C-alpha atoms as a PDB file:
ATOM      1  CA  UNK A   1     -20.208 -39.950  -8.993  1.00  0.00           C
ATOM      2  CA  UNK A   2     -20.463 -36.532  -7.110  1.00  0.00           C
ATOM      3  CA  UNK A   3     -20.251 -33.660  -9.591  1.00  0.00           C
ATOM      4  CA  UNK A   4     -18.033 -30.834  -9.384  1.00  0.00           C
ATOM      5  CA  UNK A   5     -18.523 -27.644 -11.724  1.00  0.00           C
ATOM      6  CA  UNK A   6     -14.843 -27.464 -12.245  1.00  0.00           C
ATOM      7  CA  UNK A   7     -15.264 -30.712 -14.379  1.00  0.00           C
ATOM      8  CA  UNK A   8     -18.097 -30.158 -15.751  1.00  0.00           C
ATOM      9  CA  UNK A   9     -20.153 -27.114 -16.741  1.00  0.00           C
ATOM     10  CA  UNK A  10     -23.396 -26.319 -14.543  1.00  0.00           C
ATOM     11  CA  UNK A  11     -25.489 -27.485 -17.468  1.00  0.00           C
ATOM     12  CA  UNK A  12     -23.852 -30.971 -17.932  1.00  0.00           C
ATOM     13  CA  UNK A  13     -23.978 -31.384 -14.187  1.00  0.00           C
ATOM     14  CA  UNK A  14     -27.782 -30.506 -13.844  1.00  0.00           C
ATOM     15  CA  UNK A  15     -28.490 -33.004 -16.601  1.00  0.00           C
ATOM     16  CA  UNK A  16     -26.216 -35.907 -15.047  1.00  0.00           C
ATOM     17  CA  UNK A  17     -28.264 -35.011 -11.570  1.00  0.00           C
ATOM     18  CA  UNK A  18     -31.630 -35.877 -13.623  1.00  0.00           C
ATOM     19  CA  UNK A  19     -30.499 -38.636 -15.208  1.00  0.00           C
ATOM     20  CA  UNK A  20     -29.174 -40.247 -11.939  1.00  0.00           C
ATOM     21  CA  UNK A  21     -32.373 -39.159  -9.997  1.00  0.00           C
ATOM     22  CA  UNK A  22     -34.731 -40.471 -12.873  1.00  0.00           C
ATOM     23  CA  UNK A  23     -33.145 -43.915 -13.533  1.00  0.00           C
ATOM     24  CA  UNK A  24     -31.855 -44.730  -9.724  1.00  0.00           C
ATOM     25  CA  UNK A  25     -34.901 -43.472  -7.937  1.00  0.00           C
ATOM     26  CA  UNK A  26     -37.659 -41.931  -9.691  1.00  0.00           C
ATOM     27  CA  UNK A  27     -38.344 -44.553 -12.580  1.00  0.00           C
ATOM     28  CA  UNK A  28     -37.804 -47.802 -10.055  1.00  0.00           C
ATOM     29  CA  UNK A  29     -39.829 -46.233  -7.626  1.00  0.00           C
ATOM     30  CA  UNK A  30     -42.547 -45.724  -9.964  1.00  0.00           C
ATOM     31  CA  UNK A  31     -42.424 -49.528 -11.153  1.00  0.00           C
ATOM     32  CA  UNK A  32     -42.189 -50.856  -7.632  1.00  0.00           C
ATOM     33  CA  UNK A  33     -45.468 -48.873  -6.757  1.00  0.00           C
ATOM     34  CA  UNK A  34     -47.200 -49.531 -10.180  1.00  0.00           C
ATOM     35  CA  UNK A  35     -48.652 -46.050  -9.758  1.00  0.00           C
ATOM     36  CA  UNK A  36     -48.160 -42.876 -11.807  1.00  0.00           C
ATOM     37  CA  UNK A  37     -47.423 -41.049  -8.522  1.00  0.00           C
ATOM     38  CA  UNK A  38     -45.559 -40.880  -5.015  1.00  0.00           C
ATOM     39  CA  UNK A  39     -45.187 -38.864  -2.064  1.00  0.00           C
ATOM     40  CA  UNK A  40     -42.187 -36.769  -0.744  1.00  0.00           C
ATOM     41  CA  UNK A  41     -41.384 -39.433   1.918  1.00  0.00           C
ATOM     42  CA  UNK A  42     -41.222 -42.283  -0.271  1.00  0.00           C
ATOM     43  CA  UNK A  43     -38.794 -40.463  -2.784  1.00  0.00           C
ATOM     44  CA  UNK A  44     -37.028 -39.479   0.421  1.00  0.00           C
ATOM     45  CA  UNK A  45     -36.802 -43.015   1.736  1.00  0.00           C
ATOM     46  CA  UNK A  46     -35.622 -44.222  -2.206  1.00  0.00           C
ATOM     47  CA  UNK A  47     -33.043 -41.132  -2.136  1.00  0.00           C
ATOM     48  CA  UNK A  48     -31.487 -42.183   1.163  1.00  0.00           C
ATOM     49  CA  UNK A  49     -31.079 -45.877   0.240  1.00  0.00           C
ATOM     50  CA  UNK A  50     -29.471 -44.802  -3.159  1.00  0.00           C
ATOM     51  CA  UNK A  51     -27.487 -41.989  -1.664  1.00  0.00           C
ATOM     52  CA  UNK A  52     -26.137 -44.672   0.729  1.00  0.00           C
ATOM     53  CA  UNK A  53     -25.548 -47.347  -1.780  1.00  0.00           C
ATOM     54  CA  UNK A  54     -23.844 -44.772  -4.409  1.00  0.00           C
ATOM     55  CA  UNK A  55     -21.994 -42.766  -1.989  1.00  0.00           C
ATOM     56  CA  UNK A  56     -23.596 -39.504  -3.044  1.00  0.00           C
ATOM     57  CA  UNK A  57     -24.903 -36.620  -1.144  1.00  0.00           C
ATOM     58  CA  UNK A  58     -28.716 -36.406  -0.844  1.00  0.00           C
ATOM     59  CA  UNK A  59     -28.530 -32.712  -2.262  1.00  0.00           C
ATOM     60  CA  UNK A  60     -27.676 -34.007  -5.641  1.00  0.00           C
ATOM     61  CA  UNK A  61     -31.030 -35.975  -5.671  1.00  0.00           C
ATOM     62  CA  UNK A  62     -32.791 -32.914  -4.376  1.00  0.00           C
ATOM     63  CA  UNK A  63     -31.573 -30.787  -7.167  1.00  0.00           C
ATOM     64  CA  UNK A  64     -32.068 -33.589  -9.575  1.00  0.00           C
ATOM     65  CA  UNK A  65     -35.879 -33.952  -8.491  1.00  0.00           C
ATOM     66  CA  UNK A  66     -36.208 -30.108  -8.599  1.00  0.00           C
ATOM     67  CA  UNK A  67     -34.526 -30.172 -12.287  1.00  0.00           C
ATOM     68  CA  UNK A  68     -37.146 -33.248 -13.540  1.00  0.00           C
ATOM     69  CA  UNK A  69     -39.965 -31.055 -12.396  1.00  0.00           C
ATOM     70  CA  UNK A  70     -38.959 -27.778 -14.163  1.00  0.00           C
ATOM     71  CA  UNK A  71     -38.241 -29.981 -17.170  1.00  0.00           C
ATOM     72  CA  UNK A  72     -41.754 -31.229 -17.210  1.00  0.00           C
ATOM     73  CA  UNK A  73     -41.082 -35.039 -16.596  1.00  0.00           C
ATOM     74  CA  UNK A  74     -42.655 -34.602 -13.070  1.00  0.00           C
ATOM     75  CA  UNK A  75     -45.412 -32.332 -11.740  1.00  0.00           C
ATOM     76  CA  UNK A  76     -45.705 -31.635  -8.238  1.00  0.00           C
ATOM     77  CA  UNK A  77     -49.057 -31.107  -6.164  1.00  0.00           C
ATOM     78  CA  UNK A  78     -48.398 -30.643  -2.595  1.00  0.00           C
ATOM     79  CA  UNK A  79     -46.352 -33.491  -1.254  1.00  0.00           C
ATOM     80  CA  UNK A  80     -47.129 -35.465  -4.516  1.00  0.00           C
ATOM     81  CA  UNK A  81     -45.159 -35.926  -7.473  1.00  0.00           C
ATOM     82  CA  UNK A  82     -46.681 -37.579 -10.500  1.00  0.00           C
ATOM     83  CA  UNK A  83     -45.032 -38.591 -13.931  1.00  0.00           C
ATOM     84  CA  UNK A  84     -45.985 -36.778 -17.322  1.00  0.00           C
ATOM     85  CA  UNK A  85     -49.127 -38.415 -18.842  1.00  0.00           C
ATOM     86  CA  UNK A  86     -47.025 -39.345 -21.913  1.00  0.00           C
ATOM     87  CA  UNK A  87     -44.908 -41.752 -19.550  1.00  0.00           C
ATOM     88  CA  UNK A  88     -47.903 -43.602 -18.179  1.00  0.00           C
ATOM     89  CA  UNK A  89     -47.982 -46.475 -21.173  1.00  0.00           C
ATOM     90  CA  UNK A  90     -44.286 -47.308 -20.120  1.00  0.00           C
ATOM     91  CA  UNK A  91     -45.583 -47.704 -16.579  1.00  0.00           C
ATOM     92  CA  UNK A  92     -48.202 -50.005 -17.076  1.00  0.00           C
ATOM     93  CA  UNK A  93     -45.947 -52.336 -19.764  1.00  0.00           C
ATOM     94  CA  UNK A  94     -43.328 -52.229 -16.817  1.00  0.00           C
ATOM     95  CA  UNK A  95     -40.916 -51.121 -19.736  1.00  0.00           C
ATOM     96  CA  UNK A  96     -37.371 -49.517 -19.541  1.00  0.00           C
ATOM     97  CA  UNK A  97     -37.756 -45.660 -19.484  1.00  0.00           C
ATOM     98  CA  UNK A  98     -34.536 -43.979 -19.222  1.00  0.00           C
ATOM     99  CA  UNK A  99     -34.075 -40.237 -19.275  1.00  0.00           C
ATOM    100  CA  UNK A 100     -33.588 -39.956 -22.848  1.00  0.00           C
ATOM    101  CA  UNK A 101     -36.728 -41.640 -23.572  1.00  0.00           C
ATOM    102  CA  UNK A 102     -38.684 -39.576 -21.196  1.00  0.00           C
ATOM    103  CA  UNK A 103     -37.478 -36.103 -22.311  1.00  0.00           C
ATOM    104  CA  UNK A 104     -38.297 -37.180 -25.938  1.00  0.00           C
ATOM    105  CA  UNK A 105     -41.928 -38.370 -24.992  1.00  0.00           C
ATOM    106  CA  UNK A 106     -42.809 -35.242 -22.919  1.00  0.00           C
ATOM    107  CA  UNK A 107     -41.368 -33.114 -25.828  1.00  0.00           C
ATOM    108  CA  UNK A 108     -43.199 -34.737 -28.797  1.00  0.00           C
ATOM    109  CA  UNK A 109     -45.999 -32.293 -30.248  1.00  0.00           C
END
């Protein structure tokens, strides 16, 4: 699953990293904690487990996390990350919220 720039463009690789981090790390972590936020330490623990299971570099997950912040899906305050307020109903319902749904929800005006 490790992406090479020669295989995909840099924007496609960034999107793939965001999708992976959202679906495999962030959203399961949010649902497991049943909270709108998580700490850097909690993210790193989950990231390490997923990286080992999927045989990917932790740098892929780190880039994906930063990219989710840049897209506005996550907000960072110190060592705490929180989901966009429009995603809270999905968390409360313990609903599936894939990356496409998340990006669509936060872009609705």
